[in-house]
Amino acid sequence: MSENTGTKDTNENELTFEQAMARLEEITGKMESGKLMLDESIAAFEEGSRLVKYCREKLEAYGDKIKNITDGEGDV
């Protein structure tokens, strides 16, 4: 029988940036509630860490894309 950790096993690559941020808010809320067991908190922290990395990478990619677009405006 699988243990209910209170966290979902998310695949970050299947999420939009907005979905990843919403999941981070959900995880944060659960952790702040103080109702998770230690193992559940560790699992939530691990998932949250992966989501933060995913969001950071997405933001950097979006920033690069915007920079490329704005740098190219002078060429038009």
PDB file of N, CA and C in Angstrom:
ATOM      1  N   MET A   1       0.851  -1.179   0.000  1.00  0.00           N
ATOM      2  CA  MET A   1       0.000   0.000   0.000  1.00  0.00           C
ATOM      3  C   MET A   1       0.887   1.229   0.000  1.00  0.00           C
ATOM      4  N   SER A   2       0.551   2.204  -0.827  1.00  0.00           N
ATOM      5  CA  SER A   2       1.389   3.397  -0.925  1.00  0.00           C
ATOM      6  C   SER A   2       1.050   4.384   0.180  1.00  0.00           C
ATOM      7  N   GLU A   3       2.091   5.037   0.674  1.00  0.00           N
ATOM      8  CA  GLU A   3       1.926   6.016   1.751  1.00  0.00           C
ATOM      9  C   GLU A   3       1.408   7.322   1.170  1.00  0.00           C
ATOM     10  N   ASN A   4       0.442   7.931   1.817  1.00  0.00           N
ATOM     11  CA  ASN A   4      -0.099   9.213   1.381  1.00  0.00           C
ATOM     12  C   ASN A   4       0.781  10.323   1.930  1.00  0.00           C
ATOM     13  N   THR A   5       1.572  10.918   1.054  1.00  0.00           N
ATOM     14  CA  THR A   5       2.504  11.939   1.515  1.00  0.00           C
ATOM     15  C   THR A   5       1.906  13.334   1.476  1.00  0.00           C
ATOM     16  N   GLY A   6       0.739  13.454   0.901  1.00  0.00           N
ATOM     17  CA  GLY A   6       0.152  14.783   0.791  1.00  0.00           C
ATOM     18  C   GLY A   6       0.726  15.583  -0.356  1.00  0.00           C
ATOM     19  N   THR A   7       1.594  14.962  -1.160  1.00  0.00           N
ATOM     20  CA  THR A   7       2.145  15.635  -2.323  1.00  0.00           C
ATOM     21  C   THR A   7       1.887  14.788  -3.549  1.00  0.00           C
ATOM     22  N   LYS A   8       1.837  15.441  -4.684  1.00  0.00           N
ATOM     23  CA  LYS A   8       1.675  14.758  -5.960  1.00  0.00           C
ATOM     24  C   LYS A   8       3.053  14.597  -6.578  1.00  0.00           C
ATOM     25  N   ASP A   9       3.221  13.549  -7.358  1.00  0.00           N
ATOM     26  CA  ASP A   9       4.476  13.365  -8.069  1.00  0.00           C
ATOM     27  C   ASP A   9       4.329  14.073  -9.409  1.00  0.00           C
ATOM     28  N   THR A  10       4.716  15.328  -9.475  1.00  0.00           N
ATOM     29  CA  THR A  10       4.523  16.099 -10.693  1.00  0.00           C
ATOM     30  C   THR A  10       5.690  15.933 -11.636  1.00  0.00           C
ATOM     31  N   ASN A  11       5.372  15.956 -12.916  1.00  0.00           N
ATOM     32  CA  ASN A  11       6.388  15.997 -13.951  1.00  0.00           C
ATOM     33  C   ASN A  11       6.424  17.437 -14.437  1.00  0.00           C
ATOM     34  N   GLU A  12       7.450  18.162 -14.020  1.00  0.00           N
ATOM     35  CA  GLU A  12       7.525  19.593 -14.297  1.00  0.00           C
ATOM     36  C   GLU A  12       7.407  19.910 -15.785  1.00  0.00           C
ATOM     37  N   ASN A  13       7.968  19.052 -16.643  1.00  0.00           N
ATOM     38  CA  ASN A  13       7.966  19.327 -18.077  1.00  0.00           C
ATOM     39  C   ASN A  13       6.574  19.283 -18.695  1.00  0.00           C
ATOM     40  N   GLU A  14       5.610  18.744 -17.971  1.00  0.00           N
ATOM     41  CA  GLU A  14       4.237  18.695 -18.461  1.00  0.00           C
ATOM     42  C   GLU A  14       3.412  19.882 -17.962  1.00  0.00           C
ATOM     43  N   LEU A  15       4.011  20.737 -17.163  1.00  0.00           N
ATOM     44  CA  LEU A  15       3.294  21.869 -16.575  1.00  0.00           C
ATOM     45  C   LEU A  15       3.619  23.160 -17.293  1.00  0.00           C
ATOM     46  N   THR A  16       2.644  24.053 -17.322  1.00  0.00           N
ATOM     47  CA  THR A  16       2.932  25.415 -17.748  1.00  0.00           C
ATOM     48  C   THR A  16       3.590  26.126 -16.575  1.00  0.00           C
ATOM     49  N   PHE A  17       4.171  27.277 -16.842  1.00  0.00           N
ATOM     50  CA  PHE A  17       4.775  28.071 -15.769  1.00  0.00           C
ATOM     51  C   PHE A  17       3.728  28.372 -14.698  1.00  0.00           C
ATOM     52  N   GLU A  18       2.535  28.763 -15.142  1.00  0.00           N
ATOM     53  CA  GLU A  18       1.467  29.125 -14.206  1.00  0.00           C
ATOM     54  C   GLU A  18       1.032  27.928 -13.359  1.00  0.00           C
ATOM     55  N   GLN A  19       0.961  26.751 -13.968  1.00  0.00           N
ATOM     56  CA  GLN A  19       0.601  25.555 -13.212  1.00  0.00           C
ATOM     57  C   GLN A  19       1.677  25.209 -12.185  1.00  0.00           C
ATOM     58  N   ALA A  20       2.935  25.365 -12.570  1.00  0.00           N
ATOM     59  CA  ALA A  20       4.030  25.091 -11.647  1.00  0.00           C
ATOM     60  C   ALA A  20       3.982  26.052 -10.467  1.00  0.00           C
ATOM     61  N   MET A  21       3.709  27.326 -10.728  1.00  0.00           N
ATOM     62  CA  MET A  21       3.615  28.302  -9.641  1.00  0.00           C
ATOM     63  C   MET A  21       2.439  27.984  -8.718  1.00  0.00           C
ATOM     64  N   ALA A  22       1.313  27.581  -9.297  1.00  0.00           N
ATOM     65  CA  ALA A  22       0.152  27.223  -8.481  1.00  0.00           C
ATOM     66  C   ALA A  22       0.473  26.011  -7.603  1.00  0.00           C
ATOM     67  N   ARG A  23       1.190  25.045  -8.160  1.00  0.00           N
ATOM     68  CA  ARG A  23       1.571  23.866  -7.382  1.00  0.00           C
ATOM     69  C   ARG A  23       2.532  24.256  -6.261  1.00  0.00           C
ATOM     70  N   LEU A  24       3.446  25.178  -6.542  1.00  0.00           N
ATOM     71  CA  LEU A  24       4.354  25.665  -5.490  1.00  0.00           C
ATOM     72  C   LEU A  24       3.572  26.317  -4.356  1.00  0.00           C
ATOM     73  N   GLU A  25       2.562  27.101  -4.689  1.00  0.00           N
ATOM     74  CA  GLU A  25       1.733  27.737  -3.656  1.00  0.00           C
ATOM     75  C   GLU A  25       1.005  26.685  -2.824  1.00  0.00           C
ATOM     76  N   GLU A  26       0.526  25.635  -3.494  1.00  0.00           N
ATOM     77  CA  GLU A  26      -0.162  24.551  -2.787  1.00  0.00           C
ATOM     78  C   GLU A  26       0.799  23.844  -1.828  1.00  0.00           C
ATOM     79  N   ILE A  27       1.989  23.537  -2.310  1.00  0.00           N
ATOM     80  CA  ILE A  27       2.993  22.868  -1.471  1.00  0.00           C
ATOM     81  C   ILE A  27       3.369  23.758  -0.288  1.00  0.00           C
ATOM     82  N   THR A  28       3.588  25.034  -0.544  1.00  0.00           N
ATOM     83  CA  THR A  28       3.953  25.974   0.517  1.00  0.00           C
ATOM     84  C   THR A  28       2.879  26.015   1.589  1.00  0.00           C
ATOM     85  N   GLY A  29       1.630  26.084   1.161  1.00  0.00           N
ATOM     86  CA  GLY A  29       0.526  26.111   2.115  1.00  0.00           C
ATOM     87  C   GLY A  29       0.493  24.881   3.003  1.00  0.00           C
ATOM     88  N   LYS A  30       0.710  23.713   2.394  1.00  0.00           N
ATOM     89  CA  LYS A  30       0.719  22.475   3.175  1.00  0.00           C
ATOM     90  C   LYS A  30       1.870  22.460   4.165  1.00  0.00           C
ATOM     91  N   MET A  31       3.030  22.921   3.709  1.00  0.00           N
ATOM     92  CA  MET A  31       4.185  22.922   4.610  1.00  0.00           C
ATOM     93  C   MET A  31       3.999  23.927   5.738  1.00  0.00           C
ATOM     94  N   GLU A  32       3.449  25.078   5.437  1.00  0.00           N
ATOM     95  CA  GLU A  32       3.238  26.104   6.462  1.00  0.00           C
ATOM     96  C   GLU A  32       2.165  25.709   7.463  1.00  0.00           C
ATOM     97  N   SER A  33       1.268  24.807   7.071  1.00  0.00           N
ATOM     98  CA  SER A  33       0.189  24.399   7.973  1.00  0.00           C
ATOM     99  C   SER A  33       0.717  23.641   9.183  1.00  0.00           C
ATOM    100  N   GLY A  34       1.893  23.043   9.034  1.00  0.00           N
ATOM    101  CA  GLY A  34       2.467  22.278  10.133  1.00  0.00           C
ATOM    102  C   GLY A  34       1.810  20.925  10.337  1.00  0.00           C
ATOM    103  N   LYS A  35       0.967  20.510   9.406  1.00  0.00           N
ATOM    104  CA  LYS A  35       0.239  19.252   9.559  1.00  0.00           C
ATOM    105  C   LYS A  35       0.911  18.075   8.869  1.00  0.00           C
ATOM    106  N   LEU A  36       1.989  18.319   8.127  1.00  0.00           N
ATOM    107  CA  LEU A  36       2.671  17.230   7.438  1.00  0.00           C
ATOM    108  C   LEU A  36       3.636  16.525   8.385  1.00  0.00           C
ATOM    109  N   MET A  37       3.735  15.233   8.207  1.00  0.00           N
ATOM    110  CA  MET A  37       4.724  14.456   8.934  1.00  0.00           C
ATOM    111  C   MET A  37       6.089  14.781   8.326  1.00  0.00           C
ATOM    112  N   LEU A  38       7.158  14.413   9.012  1.00  0.00           N
ATOM    113  CA  LEU A  38       8.503  14.730   8.558  1.00  0.00           C
ATOM    114  C   LEU A  38       8.760  14.178   7.148  1.00  0.00           C
ATOM    115  N   ASP A  39       8.428  12.928   6.911  1.00  0.00           N
ATOM    116  CA  ASP A  39       8.631  12.335   5.582  1.00  0.00           C
ATOM    117  C   ASP A  39       7.840  13.087   4.514  1.00  0.00           C
ATOM    118  N   GLU A  40       6.630  13.492   4.849  1.00  0.00           N
ATOM    119  CA  GLU A  40       5.794  14.245   3.924  1.00  0.00           C
ATOM    120  C   GLU A  40       6.414  15.612   3.638  1.00  0.00           C
ATOM    121  N   SER A  41       6.948  16.241   4.677  1.00  0.00           N
ATOM    122  CA  SER A  41       7.590  17.548   4.510  1.00  0.00           C
ATOM    123  C   SER A  41       8.818  17.450   3.609  1.00  0.00           C
ATOM    124  N   ILE A  42       9.598  16.394   3.786  1.00  0.00           N
ATOM    125  CA  ILE A  42      10.795  16.196   2.958  1.00  0.00           C
ATOM    126  C   ILE A  42      10.379  16.001   1.504  1.00  0.00           C
ATOM    127  N   ALA A  43       9.363  15.168   1.259  1.00  0.00           N
ATOM    128  CA  ALA A  43       8.886  14.928  -0.102  1.00  0.00           C
ATOM    129  C   ALA A  43       8.355  16.217  -0.721  1.00  0.00           C
ATOM    130  N   ALA A  44       7.629  16.997   0.068  1.00  0.00           N
ATOM    131  CA  ALA A  44       7.100  18.266  -0.422  1.00  0.00           C
ATOM    132  C   ALA A  44       8.235  19.236  -0.747  1.00  0.00           C
ATOM    133  N   PHE A  45       9.243  19.266   0.114  1.00  0.00           N
ATOM    134  CA  PHE A  45      10.395  20.130  -0.117  1.00  0.00           C
ATOM    135  C   PHE A  45      11.125  19.740  -1.397  1.00  0.00           C
ATOM    136  N   GLU A  46      11.298  18.444  -1.609  1.00  0.00           N
ATOM    137  CA  GLU A  46      11.969  17.960  -2.828  1.00  0.00           C
ATOM    138  C   GLU A  46      11.189  18.368  -4.079  1.00  0.00           C
ATOM    139  N   GLU A  47       9.881  18.160  -4.041  1.00  0.00           N
ATOM    140  CA  GLU A  47       9.052  18.543  -5.189  1.00  0.00           C
ATOM    141  C   GLU A  47       9.098  20.051  -5.403  1.00  0.00           C
ATOM    142  N   GLY A  48       9.009  20.794  -4.326  1.00  0.00           N
ATOM    143  CA  GLY A  48       9.073  22.248  -4.424  1.00  0.00           C
ATOM    144  C   GLY A  48      10.392  22.722  -5.005  1.00  0.00           C
ATOM    145  N   SER A  49      11.474  22.091  -4.602  1.00  0.00           N
ATOM    146  CA  SER A  49      12.796  22.455  -5.124  1.00  0.00           C
ATOM    147  C   SER A  49      12.873  22.217  -6.630  1.00  0.00           C
ATOM    148  N   ARG A  50      12.325  21.098  -7.084  1.00  0.00           N
ATOM    149  CA  ARG A  50      12.304  20.826  -8.527  1.00  0.00           C
ATOM    150  C   ARG A  50      11.469  21.870  -9.266  1.00  0.00           C
ATOM    151  N   LEU A  51      10.339  22.237  -8.687  1.00  0.00           N
ATOM    152  CA  LEU A  51       9.472  23.225  -9.318  1.00  0.00           C
ATOM    153  C   LEU A  51      10.127  24.605  -9.369  1.00  0.00           C
ATOM    154  N   VAL A  52      10.832  24.982  -8.312  1.00  0.00           N
ATOM    155  CA  VAL A  52      11.537  26.267  -8.299  1.00  0.00           C
ATOM    156  C   VAL A  52      12.584  26.292  -9.415  1.00  0.00           C
ATOM    157  N   LYS A  53      13.328  25.212  -9.549  1.00  0.00           N
ATOM    158  CA  LYS A  53      14.345  25.129 -10.604  1.00  0.00           C
ATOM    159  C   LYS A  53      13.690  25.237 -11.979  1.00  0.00           C
ATOM    160  N   TYR A  54      12.593  24.524 -12.184  1.00  0.00           N
ATOM    161  CA  TYR A  54      11.859  24.564 -13.451  1.00  0.00           C
ATOM    162  C   TYR A  54      11.387  25.988 -13.751  1.00  0.00           C
ATOM    163  N   CYS A  55      10.798  26.651 -12.772  1.00  0.00           N
ATOM    164  CA  CYS A  55      10.288  28.018 -12.965  1.00  0.00           C
ATOM    165  C   CYS A  55      11.433  28.990 -13.249  1.00  0.00           C
ATOM    166  N   ARG A  56      12.532  28.844 -12.548  1.00  0.00           N
ATOM    167  CA  ARG A  56      13.691  29.705 -12.766  1.00  0.00           C
ATOM    168  C   ARG A  56      14.205  29.544 -14.205  1.00  0.00           C
ATOM    169  N   GLU A  57      14.307  28.300 -14.665  1.00  0.00           N
ATOM    170  CA  GLU A  57      14.767  28.042 -16.029  1.00  0.00           C
ATOM    171  C   GLU A  57      13.810  28.623 -17.061  1.00  0.00           C
ATOM    172  N   LYS A  58      12.507  28.487 -16.809  1.00  0.00           N
ATOM    173  CA  LYS A  58      11.497  29.051 -17.717  1.00  0.00           C
ATOM    174  C   LYS A  58      11.622  30.570 -17.780  1.00  0.00           C
ATOM    175  N   LEU A  59      11.762  31.211 -16.621  1.00  0.00           N
ATOM    176  CA  LEU A  59      11.888  32.662 -16.583  1.00  0.00           C
ATOM    177  C   LEU A  59      13.135  33.139 -17.324  1.00  0.00           C
ATOM    178  N   GLU A  60      14.239  32.421 -17.137  1.00  0.00           N
ATOM    179  CA  GLU A  60      15.466  32.780 -17.847  1.00  0.00           C
ATOM    180  C   GLU A  60      15.274  32.649 -19.357  1.00  0.00           C
ATOM    181  N   ALA A  61      14.605  31.579 -19.783  1.00  0.00           N
ATOM    182  CA  ALA A  61      14.362  31.373 -21.215  1.00  0.00           C
ATOM    183  C   ALA A  61      13.449  32.469 -21.765  1.00  0.00           C
ATOM    184  N   TYR A  62      12.417  32.826 -21.007  1.00  0.00           N
ATOM    185  CA  TYR A  62      11.513  33.902 -21.440  1.00  0.00           C
ATOM    186  C   TYR A  62      12.262  35.222 -21.514  1.00  0.00           C
ATOM    187  N   GLY A  63      13.125  35.470 -20.533  1.00  0.00           N
ATOM    188  CA  GLY A  63      13.921  36.698 -20.527  1.00  0.00           C
ATOM    189  C   GLY A  63      14.832  36.771 -21.739  1.00  0.00           C
ATOM    190  N   ASP A  64      15.471  35.651 -22.067  1.00  0.00           N
ATOM    191  CA  ASP A  64      16.335  35.610 -23.251  1.00  0.00           C
ATOM    192  C   ASP A  64      15.533  35.872 -24.516  1.00  0.00           C
ATOM    193  N   LYS A  65      14.342  35.294 -24.589  1.00  0.00           N
ATOM    194  CA  LYS A  65      13.492  35.480 -25.764  1.00  0.00           C
ATOM    195  C   LYS A  65      13.083  36.949 -25.909  1.00  0.00           C
ATOM    196  N   ILE A  66      12.706  37.567 -24.811  1.00  0.00           N
ATOM    197  CA  ILE A  66      12.316  38.979 -24.835  1.00  0.00           C
ATOM    198  C   ILE A  66      13.509  39.850 -25.246  1.00  0.00           C
ATOM    199  N   LYS A  67      14.691  39.534 -24.714  1.00  0.00           N
ATOM    200  CA  LYS A  67      15.886  40.288 -25.065  1.00  0.00           C
ATOM    201  C   LYS A  67      16.164  40.164 -26.558  1.00  0.00           C
ATOM    202  N   ASN A  68      16.042  38.952 -27.093  1.00  0.00           N
ATOM    203  CA  ASN A  68      16.261  38.755 -28.536  1.00  0.00           C
ATOM    204  C   ASN A  68      15.254  39.535 -29.372  1.00  0.00           C
ATOM    205  N   ILE A  69      14.019  39.584 -28.923  1.00  0.00           N
ATOM    206  CA  ILE A  69      12.976  40.310 -29.648  1.00  0.00           C
ATOM    207  C   ILE A  69      13.270  41.809 -29.619  1.00  0.00           C
ATOM    208  N   THR A  70      13.579  42.325 -28.424  1.00  0.00           N
ATOM    209  CA  THR A  70      13.804  43.763 -28.293  1.00  0.00           C
ATOM    210  C   THR A  70      15.112  44.190 -28.954  1.00  0.00           C
ATOM    211  N   ASP A  71      16.126  43.349 -28.940  1.00  0.00           N
ATOM    212  CA  ASP A  71      17.387  43.659 -29.612  1.00  0.00           C
ATOM    213  C   ASP A  71      17.192  43.739 -31.128  1.00  0.00           C
ATOM    214  N   GLY A  72      16.251  42.966 -31.632  1.00  0.00           N
ATOM    215  CA  GLY A  72      15.999  42.937 -33.069  1.00  0.00           C
ATOM    216  C   GLY A  72      15.113  44.073 -33.552  1.00  0.00           C
ATOM    217  N   GLU A  73      14.560  44.878 -32.633  1.00  0.00           N
ATOM    218  CA  GLU A  73      13.653  45.970 -33.041  1.00  0.00           C
ATOM    219  C   GLU A  73      14.354  47.030 -33.868  1.00  0.00           C
ATOM    220  N   GLY A  74      15.614  47.260 -33.614  1.00  0.00           N
ATOM    221  CA  GLY A  74      16.350  48.271 -34.354  1.00  0.00           C
ATOM    222  C   GLY A  74      16.591  47.869 -35.803  1.00  0.00           C
ATOM    223  N   ASP A  75      16.456  46.573 -36.094  1.00  0.00           N
ATOM    224  CA  ASP A  75      16.694  46.068 -37.437  1.00  0.00           C
ATOM    225  C   ASP A  75      15.477  46.201 -38.332  1.00  0.00           C
ATOM    226  N   VAL A  76      14.323  46.516 -37.764  1.00  0.00           N
ATOM    227  CA  VAL A  76      13.085  46.549 -38.542  1.00  0.00           C
ATOM    228  C   VAL A  76      12.927  47.853 -39.263  1.00  0.00           C
TER     229      VAL A  76
END
